[in-house]
């Protein structure tokens, strides 16, 4: 509930307390409505790969080429990761030497 979040400090009348709670609730509702209208909390849909149809003339060759591209991309990622790791280790060694 929202009234648990608000710090009241000293004693206040219940009328004032519930009025503040109501105003906060209305404010949050209004903000959510505006965000929904602007589409701020929508996620972009990821397009699915339709694949290669069975009646494609050179399906086997295309699949092999696709697999090779994927492997190359994975290797590049691993090389970048290793290079990043080496840079971090080198910078740590510099700090240790000082």
C-alpha atoms as a PDB file:
ATOM      1  CA  UNK A   1       0.000   0.000   0.000  1.00  0.00           C
ATOM      2  CA  UNK A   2       1.098   3.553  -0.622  1.00  0.00           C
ATOM      3  CA  UNK A   3       0.617   4.790   2.919  1.00  0.00           C
ATOM      4  CA  UNK A   4       3.488   2.577   4.109  1.00  0.00           C
ATOM      5  CA  UNK A   5       5.893   4.395   1.801  1.00  0.00           C
ATOM      6  CA  UNK A   6       5.050   7.924   2.950  1.00  0.00           C
ATOM      7  CA  UNK A   7       6.874   9.188   6.032  1.00  0.00           C
ATOM      8  CA  UNK A   8       4.393  11.080   8.159  1.00  0.00           C
ATOM      9  CA  UNK A   9       6.680  12.353  10.912  1.00  0.00           C
ATOM     10  CA  UNK A  10       4.304  13.843  13.467  1.00  0.00           C
ATOM     11  CA  UNK A  11       0.663  13.092  14.122  1.00  0.00           C
ATOM     12  CA  UNK A  12      -1.776  14.271  11.477  1.00  0.00           C
ATOM     13  CA  UNK A  13      -5.497  13.973  11.096  1.00  0.00           C
ATOM     14  CA  UNK A  14      -6.769  10.922   9.272  1.00  0.00           C
ATOM     15  CA  UNK A  15      -8.628  13.164   6.839  1.00  0.00           C
ATOM     16  CA  UNK A  16      -5.345  14.745   5.776  1.00  0.00           C
ATOM     17  CA  UNK A  17      -3.551  11.373   5.679  1.00  0.00           C
ATOM     18  CA  UNK A  18      -6.109   9.742   3.395  1.00  0.00           C
ATOM     19  CA  UNK A  19      -6.293  12.850   1.233  1.00  0.00           C
ATOM     20  CA  UNK A  20      -2.539  12.679   0.627  1.00  0.00           C
ATOM     21  CA  UNK A  21      -2.753   8.951  -0.091  1.00  0.00           C
ATOM     22  CA  UNK A  22      -5.561   9.572  -2.591  1.00  0.00           C
ATOM     23  CA  UNK A  23      -3.619  12.368  -4.315  1.00  0.00           C
ATOM     24  CA  UNK A  24      -0.504  10.204  -4.601  1.00  0.00           C
ATOM     25  CA  UNK A  25      -2.569   7.365  -6.041  1.00  0.00           C
ATOM     26  CA  UNK A  26      -4.171   9.700  -8.586  1.00  0.00           C
ATOM     27  CA  UNK A  27      -0.766  11.073  -9.532  1.00  0.00           C
ATOM     28  CA  UNK A  28       0.690   7.607 -10.125  1.00  0.00           C
ATOM     29  CA  UNK A  29      -2.369   6.631 -12.139  1.00  0.00           C
ATOM     30  CA  UNK A  30      -2.037   9.746 -14.285  1.00  0.00           C
ATOM     31  CA  UNK A  31       1.671   9.113 -14.911  1.00  0.00           C
ATOM     32  CA  UNK A  32       0.986   5.496 -15.877  1.00  0.00           C
ATOM     33  CA  UNK A  33      -1.764   6.590 -18.261  1.00  0.00           C
ATOM     34  CA  UNK A  34       0.541   9.128 -19.940  1.00  0.00           C
ATOM     35  CA  UNK A  35       3.303   6.550 -20.269  1.00  0.00           C
ATOM     36  CA  UNK A  36       0.846   4.107 -21.799  1.00  0.00           C
ATOM     37  CA  UNK A  37      -0.390   6.750 -24.227  1.00  0.00           C
ATOM     38  CA  UNK A  38       3.171   7.594 -25.315  1.00  0.00           C
ATOM     39  CA  UNK A  39       4.134   3.922 -25.450  1.00  0.00           C
ATOM     40  CA  UNK A  40       7.130   4.297 -23.142  1.00  0.00           C
ATOM     41  CA  UNK A  41       6.874   0.880 -21.485  1.00  0.00           C
ATOM     42  CA  UNK A  42       6.368  -1.131 -24.665  1.00  0.00           C
ATOM     43  CA  UNK A  43       9.070  -3.540 -25.686  1.00  0.00           C
ATOM     44  CA  UNK A  44      10.144  -3.826 -29.267  1.00  0.00           C
ATOM     45  CA  UNK A  45       9.299  -7.179 -30.766  1.00  0.00           C
ATOM     46  CA  UNK A  46      12.250  -9.256 -31.889  1.00  0.00           C
ATOM     47  CA  UNK A  47      11.777 -10.469 -35.417  1.00  0.00           C
ATOM     48  CA  UNK A  48      11.945 -14.230 -35.670  1.00  0.00           C
ATOM     49  CA  UNK A  49      14.178 -15.853 -38.250  1.00  0.00           C
ATOM     50  CA  UNK A  50      11.839 -17.515 -40.751  1.00  0.00           C
ATOM     51  CA  UNK A  51      14.536 -20.006 -41.731  1.00  0.00           C
ATOM     52  CA  UNK A  52      15.131 -21.423 -45.184  1.00  0.00           C
ATOM     53  CA  UNK A  53      12.248 -23.073 -47.034  1.00  0.00           C
ATOM     54  CA  UNK A  54      12.591 -26.739 -47.999  1.00  0.00           C
ATOM     55  CA  UNK A  55      12.087 -26.051 -51.707  1.00  0.00           C
ATOM     56  CA  UNK A  56      15.014 -23.585 -51.767  1.00  0.00           C
ATOM     57  CA  UNK A  57      17.427 -24.655 -54.551  1.00  0.00           C
ATOM     58  CA  UNK A  58      20.709 -24.483 -52.594  1.00  0.00           C
ATOM     59  CA  UNK A  59      19.429 -25.000 -49.053  1.00  0.00           C
ATOM     60  CA  UNK A  60      22.366 -27.143 -47.863  1.00  0.00           C
ATOM     61  CA  UNK A  61      24.949 -24.616 -49.061  1.00  0.00           C
ATOM     62  CA  UNK A  62      23.016 -21.760 -47.487  1.00  0.00           C
ATOM     63  CA  UNK A  63      22.773 -23.593 -44.157  1.00  0.00           C
ATOM     64  CA  UNK A  64      26.521 -24.305 -44.165  1.00  0.00           C
ATOM     65  CA  UNK A  65      27.299 -20.656 -44.954  1.00  0.00           C
ATOM     66  CA  UNK A  66      24.969 -19.522 -42.168  1.00  0.00           C
ATOM     67  CA  UNK A  67      26.636 -21.868 -39.684  1.00  0.00           C
ATOM     68  CA  UNK A  68      30.083 -20.623 -40.748  1.00  0.00           C
ATOM     69  CA  UNK A  69      28.988 -17.000 -40.211  1.00  0.00           C
ATOM     70  CA  UNK A  70      27.673 -17.869 -36.757  1.00  0.00           C
ATOM     71  CA  UNK A  71      30.911 -19.618 -35.793  1.00  0.00           C
ATOM     72  CA  UNK A  72      32.953 -16.658 -37.051  1.00  0.00           C
ATOM     73  CA  UNK A  73      30.825 -14.257 -35.010  1.00  0.00           C
ATOM     74  CA  UNK A  74      31.283 -16.408 -31.880  1.00  0.00           C
ATOM     75  CA  UNK A  75      35.048 -16.541 -32.421  1.00  0.00           C
ATOM     76  CA  UNK A  76      35.193 -12.750 -32.788  1.00  0.00           C
ATOM     77  CA  UNK A  77      33.265 -12.353 -29.536  1.00  0.00           C
ATOM     78  CA  UNK A  78      35.641 -14.707 -27.733  1.00  0.00           C
ATOM     79  CA  UNK A  79      38.673 -12.831 -29.118  1.00  0.00           C
ATOM     80  CA  UNK A  80      37.235  -9.490 -27.986  1.00  0.00           C
ATOM     81  CA  UNK A  81      36.524 -10.963 -24.556  1.00  0.00           C
ATOM     82  CA  UNK A  82      40.071 -12.309 -24.270  1.00  0.00           C
ATOM     83  CA  UNK A  83      41.551  -8.964 -25.390  1.00  0.00           C
ATOM     84  CA  UNK A  84      39.415  -7.106 -22.849  1.00  0.00           C
ATOM     85  CA  UNK A  85      40.543  -9.528 -20.136  1.00  0.00           C
ATOM     86  CA  UNK A  86      44.196  -8.991 -21.070  1.00  0.00           C
ATOM     87  CA  UNK A  87      43.768  -5.207 -20.934  1.00  0.00           C
ATOM     88  CA  UNK A  88      42.187  -5.438 -17.488  1.00  0.00           C
ATOM     89  CA  UNK A  89      44.984  -7.689 -16.221  1.00  0.00           C
ATOM     90  CA  UNK A  90      47.618  -5.371 -17.701  1.00  0.00           C
ATOM     91  CA  UNK A  91      46.060  -2.340 -16.028  1.00  0.00           C
ATOM     92  CA  UNK A  92      45.890  -4.207 -12.703  1.00  0.00           C
ATOM     93  CA  UNK A  93      49.569  -5.129 -13.028  1.00  0.00           C
ATOM     94  CA  UNK A  94      50.444  -1.469 -13.629  1.00  0.00           C
ATOM     95  CA  UNK A  95      48.680  -0.475 -10.436  1.00  0.00           C
ATOM     96  CA  UNK A  96      50.408  -3.227  -8.502  1.00  0.00           C
ATOM     97  CA  UNK A  97      53.833  -2.106  -9.722  1.00  0.00           C
ATOM     98  CA  UNK A  98      53.266   1.447  -8.517  1.00  0.00           C
END
